[in-house]
Amino acid sequence: SGVIINKLVEPGTTVAASFQTPNLFEIAADTTRMQVEASVDEAD
């Protein structure tokens, strides 16, 4: 369960799963809790 945050397909699109799985959607499982990915310098 979650919220659709990205949709990469529309009706009529042809997907090919021969070599790797094509991504169709991205789901944020729980938007009430988030995370920040911060880049901290090596000096700090």
Full PDB file with SEQRES, HELIX, SHEET, SSBOND, CRYST1, ORIGX, SCALE, CONECT and MASTER records, all heavy atoms in Angstrom:
SEQRES   1 A   44  SER GLY VAL ILE ILE ASN LYS LEU VAL GLU PRO GLY THR          
SEQRES   2 A   44  THR VAL ALA ALA SER PHE GLN THR PRO ASN LEU PHE GLU          
SEQRES   3 A   44  ILE ALA ALA ASP THR THR ARG MET GLN VAL GLU ALA SER          
SEQRES   4 A   44  VAL ASP GLU ALA ASP                                          
SHEET    1 AA1 2 VAL A   3  LYS A   7  0                                        
SHEET    2 AA1 2 PHE A  25  ALA A  28 -1                                        
CRYST1    1.000    1.000    1.000  90.00  90.00  90.00 P 1           1          
ORIGX1      1.000000  0.000000  0.000000        0.00000                         
ORIGX2      0.000000  1.000000  0.000000        0.00000                         
ORIGX3      0.000000  0.000000  1.000000        0.00000                         
SCALE1      1.000000  0.000000  0.000000        0.00000                         
SCALE2      0.000000  1.000000  0.000000        0.00000                         
SCALE3      0.000000  0.000000  1.000000        0.00000                         
ATOM      1  N   SER A   1       0.843  -1.199   0.000  1.00  0.00           N  
ATOM      2  CA  SER A   1       0.000   0.000   0.000  1.00  0.00           C  
ATOM      3  C   SER A   1       0.874   1.243   0.000  1.00  0.00           C  
ATOM      4  O   SER A   1       1.989   1.239   0.531  1.00  0.00           O  
ATOM      5  CB  SER A   1      -0.915   0.003   1.223  1.00  0.00           C  
ATOM      6  OG  SER A   1      -1.763  -1.132   1.226  1.00  0.00           O  
ATOM      7  N   GLY A   2       0.364   2.311  -0.592  1.00  0.00           N  
ATOM      8  CA  GLY A   2       1.128   3.550  -0.639  1.00  0.00           C  
ATOM      9  C   GLY A   2       0.529   4.527  -1.620  1.00  0.00           C  
ATOM     10  O   GLY A   2      -0.679   4.517  -1.884  1.00  0.00           O  
ATOM     11  N   VAL A   3       1.406   5.368  -2.183  1.00  0.00           N  
ATOM     12  CA  VAL A   3       1.002   6.409  -3.116  1.00  0.00           C  
ATOM     13  C   VAL A   3       1.877   6.311  -4.359  1.00  0.00           C  
ATOM     14  O   VAL A   3       3.099   6.129  -4.260  1.00  0.00           O  
ATOM     15  CB  VAL A   3       1.133   7.810  -2.484  1.00  0.00           C  
ATOM     16  CG1 VAL A   3       0.783   8.900  -3.497  1.00  0.00           C  
ATOM     17  CG2 VAL A   3       0.238   7.936  -1.266  1.00  0.00           C  
ATOM     18  N   ILE A   4       1.271   6.421  -5.535  1.00  0.00           N  
ATOM     19  CA  ILE A   4       2.014   6.412  -6.786  1.00  0.00           C  
ATOM     20  C   ILE A   4       2.745   7.742  -6.925  1.00  0.00           C  
ATOM     21  O   ILE A   4       2.115   8.800  -7.009  1.00  0.00           O  
ATOM     22  CB  ILE A   4       1.084   6.195  -7.991  1.00  0.00           C  
ATOM     23  CG1 ILE A   4       0.342   4.860  -7.881  1.00  0.00           C  
ATOM     24  CG2 ILE A   4       1.876   6.250  -9.298  1.00  0.00           C  
ATOM     25  CD1 ILE A   4       1.216   3.657  -7.994  1.00  0.00           C  
ATOM     26  N   ILE A   5       4.081   7.702  -6.923  1.00  0.00           N  
ATOM     27  CA  ILE A   5       4.854   8.934  -7.075  1.00  0.00           C  
ATOM     28  C   ILE A   5       5.479   9.040  -8.464  1.00  0.00           C  
ATOM     29  O   ILE A   5       6.000  10.099  -8.818  1.00  0.00           O  
ATOM     30  CB  ILE A   5       5.951   9.033  -5.997  1.00  0.00           C  
ATOM     31  CG1 ILE A   5       6.928   7.862  -6.105  1.00  0.00           C  
ATOM     32  CG2 ILE A   5       5.336   9.106  -4.614  1.00  0.00           C  
ATOM     33  CD1 ILE A   5       8.116   7.983  -5.163  1.00  0.00           C  
ATOM     34  N   ASN A   6       5.420   7.975  -9.239  1.00  0.00           N  
ATOM     35  CA  ASN A   6       5.949   8.040 -10.604  1.00  0.00           C  
ATOM     36  C   ASN A   6       5.239   7.011 -11.460  1.00  0.00           C  
ATOM     37  O   ASN A   6       5.041   5.868 -11.035  1.00  0.00           O  
ATOM     38  CB  ASN A   6       7.457   7.789 -10.615  1.00  0.00           C  
ATOM     39  CG  ASN A   6       8.103   8.257 -11.901  1.00  0.00           C  
ATOM     40  OD1 ASN A   6       7.455   8.896 -12.742  1.00  0.00           O  
ATOM     41  ND2 ASN A   6       9.377   7.968 -12.069  1.00  0.00           N  
ATOM     42  N   LYS A   7       4.837   7.445 -12.654  1.00  0.00           N  
ATOM     43  CA  LYS A   7       4.177   6.547 -13.602  1.00  0.00           C  
ATOM     44  C   LYS A   7       4.916   6.661 -14.926  1.00  0.00           C  
ATOM     45  O   LYS A   7       5.036   7.749 -15.492  1.00  0.00           O  
ATOM     46  CB  LYS A   7       2.710   6.935 -13.773  1.00  0.00           C  
ATOM     47  CG  LYS A   7       1.933   5.981 -14.681  1.00  0.00           C  
ATOM     48  CD  LYS A   7       0.501   6.454 -14.901  1.00  0.00           C  
ATOM     49  CE  LYS A   7       0.463   7.648 -15.803  1.00  0.00           C  
ATOM     50  NZ  LYS A   7      -0.889   7.967 -16.289  1.00  0.00           N  
ATOM     51  N   LEU A   8       5.424   5.517 -15.413  1.00  0.00           N  
ATOM     52  CA  LEU A   8       6.271   5.509 -16.598  1.00  0.00           C  
ATOM     53  C   LEU A   8       5.637   4.805 -17.783  1.00  0.00           C  
ATOM     54  O   LEU A   8       6.342   4.480 -18.744  1.00  0.00           O  
ATOM     55  CB  LEU A   8       7.614   4.830 -16.255  1.00  0.00           C  
ATOM     56  CG  LEU A   8       8.385   5.431 -15.076  1.00  0.00           C  
ATOM     57  CD1 LEU A   8       9.579   4.568 -14.725  1.00  0.00           C  
ATOM     58  CD2 LEU A   8       8.825   6.843 -15.392  1.00  0.00           C  
ATOM     59  N   VAL A   9       4.338   4.580 -17.748  1.00  0.00           N  
ATOM     60  CA  VAL A   9       3.688   3.821 -18.809  1.00  0.00           C  
ATOM     61  C   VAL A   9       2.312   4.402 -19.077  1.00  0.00           C  
ATOM     62  O   VAL A   9       1.670   4.960 -18.177  1.00  0.00           O  
ATOM     63  CB  VAL A   9       3.589   2.326 -18.406  1.00  0.00           C  
ATOM     64  CG1 VAL A   9       2.635   2.131 -17.234  1.00  0.00           C  
ATOM     65  CG2 VAL A   9       3.187   1.460 -19.584  1.00  0.00           C  
ATOM     66  N   GLU A  10       1.883   4.270 -20.315  1.00  0.00           N  
ATOM     67  CA  GLU A  10       0.551   4.695 -20.736  1.00  0.00           C  
ATOM     68  C   GLU A  10      -0.064   3.581 -21.586  1.00  0.00           C  
ATOM     69  O   GLU A  10       0.661   2.724 -22.113  1.00  0.00           O  
ATOM     70  CB  GLU A  10       0.617   5.994 -21.558  1.00  0.00           C  
ATOM     71  CG  GLU A  10       1.131   7.211 -20.795  1.00  0.00           C  
ATOM     72  CD  GLU A  10       0.146   7.691 -19.748  1.00  0.00           C  
ATOM     73  OE1 GLU A  10      -1.031   7.285 -19.804  1.00  0.00           O  
ATOM     74  OE2 GLU A  10       0.567   8.474 -18.864  1.00  0.00           O  
ATOM     75  N   PRO A  11      -1.396   3.538 -21.732  1.00  0.00           N  
ATOM     76  CA  PRO A  11      -2.001   2.527 -22.603  1.00  0.00           C  
ATOM     77  C   PRO A  11      -1.433   2.604 -24.018  1.00  0.00           C  
ATOM     78  O   PRO A  11      -1.291   3.687 -24.594  1.00  0.00           O  
ATOM     79  CB  PRO A  11      -3.490   2.887 -22.571  1.00  0.00           C  
ATOM     80  CG  PRO A  11      -3.679   3.596 -21.270  1.00  0.00           C  
ATOM     81  CD  PRO A  11      -2.412   4.354 -21.038  1.00  0.00           C  
ATOM     82  N   GLY A  12      -1.093   1.442 -24.559  1.00  0.00           N  
ATOM     83  CA  GLY A  12      -0.490   1.378 -25.882  1.00  0.00           C  
ATOM     84  C   GLY A  12       1.014   1.233 -25.865  1.00  0.00           C  
ATOM     85  O   GLY A  12       1.629   0.914 -26.886  1.00  0.00           O  
ATOM     86  N   THR A  13       1.628   1.439 -24.707  1.00  0.00           N  
ATOM     87  CA  THR A  13       3.082   1.284 -24.594  1.00  0.00           C  
ATOM     88  C   THR A  13       3.460  -0.193 -24.653  1.00  0.00           C  
ATOM     89  O   THR A  13       2.802  -1.035 -24.034  1.00  0.00           O  
ATOM     90  CB  THR A  13       3.580   1.888 -23.276  1.00  0.00           C  
ATOM     91  OG1 THR A  13       3.195   3.259 -23.214  1.00  0.00           O  
ATOM     92  CG2 THR A  13       5.101   1.790 -23.179  1.00  0.00           C  
ATOM     93  N   THR A  14       4.506  -0.495 -25.396  1.00  0.00           N  
ATOM     94  CA  THR A  14       5.008  -1.867 -25.471  1.00  0.00           C  
ATOM     95  C   THR A  14       6.191  -2.012 -24.541  1.00  0.00           C  
ATOM     96  O   THR A  14       7.148  -1.232 -24.618  1.00  0.00           O  
ATOM     97  CB  THR A  14       5.424  -2.224 -26.902  1.00  0.00           C  
ATOM     98  OG1 THR A  14       4.287  -2.094 -27.773  1.00  0.00           O  
ATOM     99  CG2 THR A  14       5.944  -3.650 -26.979  1.00  0.00           C  
ATOM    100  N   VAL A  15       6.114  -2.986 -23.653  1.00  0.00           N  
ATOM    101  CA  VAL A  15       7.206  -3.237 -22.715  1.00  0.00           C  
ATOM    102  C   VAL A  15       7.909  -4.515 -23.132  1.00  0.00           C  
ATOM    103  O   VAL A  15       7.276  -5.477 -23.579  1.00  0.00           O  
ATOM    104  CB  VAL A  15       6.689  -3.343 -21.266  1.00  0.00           C  
ATOM    105  CG1 VAL A  15       6.121  -2.021 -20.809  1.00  0.00           C  
ATOM    106  CG2 VAL A  15       5.655  -4.448 -21.125  1.00  0.00           C  
ATOM    107  N   ALA A  16       9.238  -4.504 -23.006  1.00  0.00           N  
ATOM    108  CA  ALA A  16      10.051  -5.671 -23.360  1.00  0.00           C  
ATOM    109  C   ALA A  16      10.827  -6.100 -22.126  1.00  0.00           C  
ATOM    110  O   ALA A  16      11.649  -5.351 -21.607  1.00  0.00           O  
ATOM    111  CB  ALA A  16      11.001  -5.339 -24.505  1.00  0.00           C  
ATOM    112  N   ALA A  17      10.566  -7.308 -21.663  1.00  0.00           N  
ATOM    113  CA  ALA A  17      11.215  -7.827 -20.452  1.00  0.00           C  
ATOM    114  C   ALA A  17      12.192  -8.934 -20.787  1.00  0.00           C  
ATOM    115  O   ALA A  17      12.363  -9.876 -20.031  1.00  0.00           O  
ATOM    116  CB  ALA A  17      10.159  -8.333 -19.476  1.00  0.00           C  
ATOM    117  N   SER A  18      12.860  -8.815 -21.931  1.00  0.00           N  
ATOM    118  CA  SER A  18      13.744  -9.891 -22.363  1.00  0.00           C  
ATOM    119  C   SER A  18      14.999  -9.955 -21.522  1.00  0.00           C  
ATOM    120  O   SER A  18      15.430 -11.032 -21.086  1.00  0.00           O  
ATOM    121  CB  SER A  18      14.108  -9.686 -23.839  1.00  0.00           C  
ATOM    122  OG  SER A  18      12.939  -9.671 -24.643  1.00  0.00           O  
ATOM    123  N   PHE A  19      15.652  -8.806 -21.267  1.00  0.00           N  
ATOM    124  CA  PHE A  19      16.938  -8.788 -20.571  1.00  0.00           C  
ATOM    125  C   PHE A  19      16.831  -8.246 -19.150  1.00  0.00           C  
ATOM    126  O   PHE A  19      17.551  -8.667 -18.267  1.00  0.00           O  
ATOM    127  CB  PHE A  19      17.945  -7.954 -21.368  1.00  0.00           C  
ATOM    128  CG  PHE A  19      18.178  -8.482 -22.750  1.00  0.00           C  
ATOM    129  CD1 PHE A  19      17.580  -7.891 -23.845  1.00  0.00           C  
ATOM    130  CD2 PHE A  19      18.987  -9.594 -22.963  1.00  0.00           C  
ATOM    131  CE1 PHE A  19      17.787  -8.382 -25.128  1.00  0.00           C  
ATOM    132  CE2 PHE A  19      19.198 -10.087 -24.235  1.00  0.00           C  
ATOM    133  CZ  PHE A  19      18.600  -9.488 -25.329  1.00  0.00           C  
ATOM    134  N   GLN A  20      15.938  -7.295 -18.903  1.00  0.00           N  
ATOM    135  CA  GLN A  20      15.760  -6.757 -17.572  1.00  0.00           C  
ATOM    136  C   GLN A  20      14.310  -6.312 -17.400  1.00  0.00           C  
ATOM    137  O   GLN A  20      13.604  -6.079 -18.376  1.00  0.00           O  
ATOM    138  CB  GLN A  20      16.697  -5.574 -17.321  1.00  0.00           C  
ATOM    139  CG  GLN A  20      16.467  -4.393 -18.251  1.00  0.00           C  
ATOM    140  CD  GLN A  20      17.437  -3.259 -17.975  1.00  0.00           C  
ATOM    141  OE1 GLN A  20      18.299  -3.391 -17.133  1.00  0.00           O  
ATOM    142  NE2 GLN A  20      17.299  -2.157 -18.686  1.00  0.00           N  
ATOM    143  N   THR A  21      13.908  -6.219 -16.144  1.00  0.00           N  
ATOM    144  CA  THR A  21      12.526  -5.870 -15.850  1.00  0.00           C  
ATOM    145  C   THR A  21      12.318  -4.373 -16.038  1.00  0.00           C  
ATOM    146  O   THR A  21      12.964  -3.571 -15.358  1.00  0.00           O  
ATOM    147  CB  THR A  21      12.180  -6.257 -14.406  1.00  0.00           C  
ATOM    148  OG1 THR A  21      12.381  -7.659 -14.245  1.00  0.00           O  
ATOM    149  CG2 THR A  21      10.736  -5.917 -14.093  1.00  0.00           C  
ATOM    150  N   PRO A  22      11.444  -3.966 -16.966  1.00  0.00           N  
ATOM    151  CA  PRO A  22      11.188  -2.532 -17.135  1.00  0.00           C  
ATOM    152  C   PRO A  22      10.327  -1.999 -15.992  1.00  0.00           C  
ATOM    153  O   PRO A  22       9.370  -2.651 -15.570  1.00  0.00           O  
ATOM    154  CB  PRO A  22      10.448  -2.462 -18.470  1.00  0.00           C  
ATOM    155  CG  PRO A  22       9.801  -3.802 -18.623  1.00  0.00           C  
ATOM    156  CD  PRO A  22      10.702  -4.789 -17.938  1.00  0.00           C  
ATOM    157  N   ASN A  23      10.685  -0.816 -15.462  1.00  0.00           N  
ATOM    158  CA  ASN A  23       9.915  -0.198 -14.386  1.00  0.00           C  
ATOM    159  C   ASN A  23       8.714   0.537 -14.962  1.00  0.00           C  
ATOM    160  O   ASN A  23       8.841   1.310 -15.911  1.00  0.00           O  
ATOM    161  CB  ASN A  23      10.790   0.773 -13.586  1.00  0.00           C  
ATOM    162  CG  ASN A  23      11.871   0.052 -12.812  1.00  0.00           C  
ATOM    163  OD1 ASN A  23      11.653  -1.044 -12.317  1.00  0.00           O  
ATOM    164  ND2 ASN A  23      13.043   0.662 -12.714  1.00  0.00           N  
ATOM    165  N   LEU A  24       7.554   0.289 -14.367  1.00  0.00           N  
ATOM    166  CA  LEU A  24       6.311   0.928 -14.812  1.00  0.00           C  
ATOM    167  C   LEU A  24       5.811   1.968 -13.817  1.00  0.00           C  
ATOM    168  O   LEU A  24       5.273   3.003 -14.219  1.00  0.00           O  
ATOM    169  CB  LEU A  24       5.230  -0.133 -15.035  1.00  0.00           C  
ATOM    170  CG  LEU A  24       5.598  -1.309 -15.950  1.00  0.00           C  
ATOM    171  CD1 LEU A  24       4.407  -2.227 -16.121  1.00  0.00           C  
ATOM    172  CD2 LEU A  24       6.108  -0.812 -17.297  1.00  0.00           C  
ATOM    173  N   PHE A  25       5.980   1.692 -12.513  1.00  0.00           N  
ATOM    174  CA  PHE A  25       5.475   2.593 -11.477  1.00  0.00           C  
ATOM    175  C   PHE A  25       6.484   2.651 -10.332  1.00  0.00           C  
ATOM    176  O   PHE A  25       7.298   1.737 -10.155  1.00  0.00           O  
ATOM    177  CB  PHE A  25       4.123   2.107 -10.913  1.00  0.00           C  
ATOM    178  CG  PHE A  25       3.060   1.910 -11.953  1.00  0.00           C  
ATOM    179  CD1 PHE A  25       2.838   0.653 -12.507  1.00  0.00           C  
ATOM    180  CD2 PHE A  25       2.272   2.965 -12.367  1.00  0.00           C  
ATOM    181  CE1 PHE A  25       1.860   0.459 -13.453  1.00  0.00           C  
ATOM    182  CE2 PHE A  25       1.295   2.781 -13.318  1.00  0.00           C  
ATOM    183  CZ  PHE A  25       1.079   1.524 -13.866  1.00  0.00           C  
ATOM    184  N   GLU A  26       6.399   3.741  -9.549  1.00  0.00           N  
ATOM    185  CA  GLU A  26       7.118   3.847  -8.288  1.00  0.00           C  
ATOM    186  C   GLU A  26       6.109   4.178  -7.197  1.00  0.00           C  
ATOM    187  O   GLU A  26       5.314   5.106  -7.347  1.00  0.00           O  
ATOM    188  CB  GLU A  26       8.200   4.934  -8.343  1.00  0.00           C  
ATOM    189  CG  GLU A  26       9.390   4.561  -9.224  1.00  0.00           C  
ATOM    190  CD  GLU A  26      10.497   5.587  -9.146  1.00  0.00           C  
ATOM    191  OE1 GLU A  26      10.472   6.407  -8.203  1.00  0.00           O  
ATOM    192  OE2 GLU A  26      11.369   5.580 -10.022  1.00  0.00           O  
ATOM    193  N   ILE A  27       6.156   3.392  -6.121  1.00  0.00           N  
ATOM    194  CA  ILE A  27       5.208   3.553  -5.021  1.00  0.00           C  
ATOM    195  C   ILE A  27       5.966   3.968  -3.769  1.00  0.00           C  
ATOM    196  O   ILE A  27       6.929   3.307  -3.373  1.00  0.00           O  
ATOM    197  CB  ILE A  27       4.430   2.248  -4.760  1.00  0.00           C  
ATOM    198  CG1 ILE A  27       3.633   1.827  -6.005  1.00  0.00           C  
ATOM    199  CG2 ILE A  27       3.496   2.401  -3.567  1.00  0.00           C  
ATOM    200  CD1 ILE A  27       2.919   0.514  -5.847  1.00  0.00           C  
ATOM    201  N   ALA A  28       5.534   5.076  -3.164  1.00  0.00           N  
ATOM    202  CA  ALA A  28       6.032   5.460  -1.848  1.00  0.00           C  
ATOM    203  C   ALA A  28       5.176   4.750  -0.817  1.00  0.00           C  
ATOM    204  O   ALA A  28       3.980   5.023  -0.691  1.00  0.00           O  
ATOM    205  CB  ALA A  28       5.963   6.973  -1.667  1.00  0.00           C  
ATOM    206  N   ALA A  29       5.815   3.831  -0.084  1.00  0.00           N  
ATOM    207  CA  ALA A  29       5.032   2.952   0.787  1.00  0.00           C  
ATOM    208  C   ALA A  29       4.368   3.709   1.930  1.00  0.00           C  
ATOM    209  O   ALA A  29       3.241   3.395   2.309  1.00  0.00           O  
ATOM    210  CB  ALA A  29       5.923   1.839   1.335  1.00  0.00           C  
ATOM    211  N   ASP A  30       5.052   4.712   2.500  1.00  0.00           N  
ATOM    212  CA  ASP A  30       4.490   5.413   3.651  1.00  0.00           C  
ATOM    213  C   ASP A  30       4.996   6.843   3.624  1.00  0.00           C  
ATOM    214  O   ASP A  30       6.146   7.119   3.978  1.00  0.00           O  
ATOM    215  CB  ASP A  30       4.909   4.727   4.958  1.00  0.00           C  
ATOM    216  CG  ASP A  30       4.268   5.374   6.174  1.00  0.00           C  
ATOM    217  OD1 ASP A  30       3.395   6.240   5.987  1.00  0.00           O  
ATOM    218  OD2 ASP A  30       4.633   5.004   7.293  1.00  0.00           O  
ATOM    219  N   THR A  31       4.149   7.780   3.196  1.00  0.00           N  
ATOM    220  CA  THR A  31       4.569   9.175   3.087  1.00  0.00           C  
ATOM    221  C   THR A  31       4.446   9.924   4.408  1.00  0.00           C  
ATOM    222  O   THR A  31       4.810  11.098   4.481  1.00  0.00           O  
ATOM    223  CB  THR A  31       3.736   9.897   2.020  1.00  0.00           C  
ATOM    224  OG1 THR A  31       2.340   9.778   2.334  1.00  0.00           O  
ATOM    225  CG2 THR A  31       3.994   9.307   0.644  1.00  0.00           C  
ATOM    226  N   THR A  32       3.931   9.285   5.456  1.00  0.00           N  
ATOM    227  CA  THR A  32       3.883   9.957   6.756  1.00  0.00           C  
ATOM    228  C   THR A  32       5.250   9.954   7.426  1.00  0.00           C  
ATOM    229  O   THR A  32       5.481  10.710   8.366  1.00  0.00           O  
ATOM    230  CB  THR A  32       2.869   9.275   7.686  1.00  0.00           C  
ATOM    231  OG1 THR A  32       3.268   7.910   7.909  1.00  0.00           O  
ATOM    232  CG2 THR A  32       1.481   9.290   7.066  1.00  0.00           C  
ATOM    233  N   ARG A  33       6.134   9.105   6.955  1.00  0.00           N  
ATOM    234  CA  ARG A  33       7.517   9.090   7.424  1.00  0.00           C  
ATOM    235  C   ARG A  33       8.425   9.191   6.207  1.00  0.00           C  
ATOM    236  O   ARG A  33       8.295   8.419   5.259  1.00  0.00           O  
ATOM    237  CB  ARG A  33       7.834   7.817   8.206  1.00  0.00           C  
ATOM    238  CG  ARG A  33       7.086   7.678   9.522  1.00  0.00           C  
ATOM    239  CD  ARG A  33       7.523   6.412  10.232  1.00  0.00           C  
ATOM    240  NE  ARG A  33       8.956   6.447  10.511  1.00  0.00           N  
ATOM    241  CZ  ARG A  33       9.716   5.362  10.624  1.00  0.00           C  
ATOM    242  NH1 ARG A  33       9.197   4.167  10.443  1.00  0.00           N  
ATOM    243  NH2 ARG A  33      11.002   5.471  10.893  1.00  0.00           N  
ATOM    244  N   MET A  34       9.316  10.184   6.241  1.00  0.00           N  
ATOM    245  CA  MET A  34      10.224  10.411   5.127  1.00  0.00           C  
ATOM    246  C   MET A  34      11.663  10.329   5.637  1.00  0.00           C  
ATOM    247  O   MET A  34      11.912  10.171   6.839  1.00  0.00           O  
ATOM    248  CB  MET A  34       9.967  11.792   4.501  1.00  0.00           C  
ATOM    249  CG  MET A  34       8.530  12.041   4.089  1.00  0.00           C  
ATOM    250  SD  MET A  34       8.048  11.143   2.601  1.00  0.00           S  
ATOM    251  CE  MET A  34       8.722  12.225   1.349  1.00  0.00           C  
ATOM    252  N   GLN A  35      12.598  10.438   4.716  1.00  0.00           N  
ATOM    253  CA  GLN A  35      13.999  10.494   5.088  1.00  0.00           C  
ATOM    254  C   GLN A  35      14.697  11.520   4.203  1.00  0.00           C  
ATOM    255  O   GLN A  35      14.280  11.783   3.079  1.00  0.00           O  
ATOM    256  CB  GLN A  35      14.681   9.136   4.963  1.00  0.00           C  
ATOM    257  CG  GLN A  35      14.820   8.619   3.549  1.00  0.00           C  
ATOM    258  CD  GLN A  35      15.482   7.247   3.513  1.00  0.00           C  
ATOM    259  OE1 GLN A  35      15.464   6.495   4.482  1.00  0.00           O  
ATOM    260  NE2 GLN A  35      16.074   6.907   2.377  1.00  0.00           N  
ATOM    261  N   VAL A  36      15.734  12.120   4.770  1.00  0.00           N  
ATOM    262  CA  VAL A  36      16.561  13.062   4.029  1.00  0.00           C  
ATOM    263  C   VAL A  36      17.929  12.421   3.841  1.00  0.00           C  
ATOM    264  O   VAL A  36      18.544  11.955   4.802  1.00  0.00           O  
ATOM    265  CB  VAL A  36      16.695  14.405   4.771  1.00  0.00           C  
ATOM    266  CG1 VAL A  36      17.663  15.327   4.028  1.00  0.00           C  
ATOM    267  CG2 VAL A  36      15.342  15.073   4.909  1.00  0.00           C  
ATOM    268  N   GLU A  37      18.373  12.389   2.606  1.00  0.00           N  
ATOM    269  CA  GLU A  37      19.698  11.859   2.286  1.00  0.00           C  
ATOM    270  C   GLU A  37      20.638  13.050   2.129  1.00  0.00           C  
ATOM    271  O   GLU A  37      20.646  13.720   1.090  1.00  0.00           O  
ATOM    272  CB  GLU A  37      19.654  11.005   1.026  1.00  0.00           C  
ATOM    273  CG  GLU A  37      18.736   9.782   1.164  1.00  0.00           C  
ATOM    274  CD  GLU A  37      18.637   8.975  -0.116  1.00  0.00           C  
ATOM    275  OE1 GLU A  37      19.264   9.387  -1.118  1.00  0.00           O  
ATOM    276  OE2 GLU A  37      17.940   7.954  -0.126  1.00  0.00           O  
ATOM    277  N   ALA A  38      21.406  13.336   3.179  1.00  0.00           N  
ATOM    278  CA  ALA A  38      22.277  14.506   3.207  1.00  0.00           C  
ATOM    279  C   ALA A  38      23.706  14.108   2.885  1.00  0.00           C  
ATOM    280  O   ALA A  38      24.202  13.082   3.358  1.00  0.00           O  
ATOM    281  CB  ALA A  38      22.219  15.187   4.569  1.00  0.00           C  
ATOM    282  N   SER A  39      24.373  14.940   2.096  1.00  0.00           N  
ATOM    283  CA  SER A  39      25.772  14.703   1.730  1.00  0.00           C  
ATOM    284  C   SER A  39      26.649  15.579   2.611  1.00  0.00           C  
ATOM    285  O   SER A  39      26.626  16.810   2.503  1.00  0.00           O  
ATOM    286  CB  SER A  39      25.984  15.033   0.247  1.00  0.00           C  
ATOM    287  OG  SER A  39      27.309  14.786  -0.140  1.00  0.00           O  
ATOM    288  N   VAL A  40      27.449  14.954   3.496  1.00  0.00           N  
ATOM    289  CA  VAL A  40      28.269  15.671   4.468  1.00  0.00           C  
ATOM    290  C   VAL A  40      29.729  15.585   4.033  1.00  0.00           C  
ATOM    291  O   VAL A  40      30.229  14.503   3.695  1.00  0.00           O  
ATOM    292  CB  VAL A  40      28.089  15.084   5.881  1.00  0.00           C  
ATOM    293  CG1 VAL A  40      28.985  15.800   6.878  1.00  0.00           C  
ATOM    294  CG2 VAL A  40      26.630  15.201   6.304  1.00  0.00           C  
ATOM    295  N   ASP A  41      30.407  16.713   4.066  1.00  0.00           N  
ATOM    296  CA  ASP A  41      31.810  16.777   3.669  1.00  0.00           C  
ATOM    297  C   ASP A  41      32.674  15.939   4.615  1.00  0.00           C  
ATOM    298  O   ASP A  41      32.376  15.803   5.806  1.00  0.00           O  
ATOM    299  CB  ASP A  41      32.277  18.232   3.676  1.00  0.00           C  
ATOM    300  CG  ASP A  41      33.655  18.380   3.064  1.00  0.00           C  
ATOM    301  OD1 ASP A  41      33.743  18.469   1.822  1.00  0.00           O  
ATOM    302  OD2 ASP A  41      34.628  18.402   3.827  1.00  0.00           O  
ATOM    303  N   GLU A  42      33.771  15.408   4.071  1.00  0.00           N  
ATOM    304  CA  GLU A  42      34.650  14.550   4.874  1.00  0.00           C  
ATOM    305  C   GLU A  42      35.266  15.301   6.055  1.00  0.00           C  
ATOM    306  O   GLU A  42      35.606  14.696   7.072  1.00  0.00           O  
ATOM    307  CB  GLU A  42      35.761  13.965   4.005  1.00  0.00           C  
ATOM    308  CG  GLU A  42      36.706  14.992   3.409  1.00  0.00           C  
ATOM    309  CD  GLU A  42      37.874  14.341   2.694  1.00  0.00           C  
ATOM    310  OE1 GLU A  42      38.321  13.272   3.147  1.00  0.00           O  
ATOM    311  OE2 GLU A  42      38.345  14.909   1.689  1.00  0.00           O  
ATOM    312  N   ALA A  43      35.396  16.633   5.949  1.00  0.00           N  
ATOM    313  CA  ALA A  43      35.967  17.397   7.054  1.00  0.00           C  
ATOM    314  C   ALA A  43      35.018  17.475   8.246  1.00  0.00           C  
ATOM    315  O   ALA A  43      35.460  17.708   9.372  1.00  0.00           O  
ATOM    316  CB  ALA A  43      36.308  18.812   6.578  1.00  0.00           C  
ATOM    317  N   ASP A  44      33.723  17.265   8.011  1.00  0.00           N  
ATOM    318  CA  ASP A  44      32.723  17.386   9.082  1.00  0.00           C  
ATOM    319  C   ASP A  44      32.161  16.055   9.538  1.00  0.00           C  
ATOM    320  O   ASP A  44      31.503  15.994  10.575  1.00  0.00           O  
ATOM    321  CB  ASP A  44      31.559  18.273   8.607  1.00  0.00           C  
ATOM    322  CG  ASP A  44      32.010  19.670   8.231  1.00  0.00           C  
ATOM    323  OD1 ASP A  44      32.909  20.171   8.910  1.00  0.00           O  
ATOM    324  OD2 ASP A  44      31.467  20.242   7.272  1.00  0.00           O  
TER     325      ASP A  44                                                      
MASTER        0    0    0    0    2    0    0    6  324    1    0    4          
END                                                                             
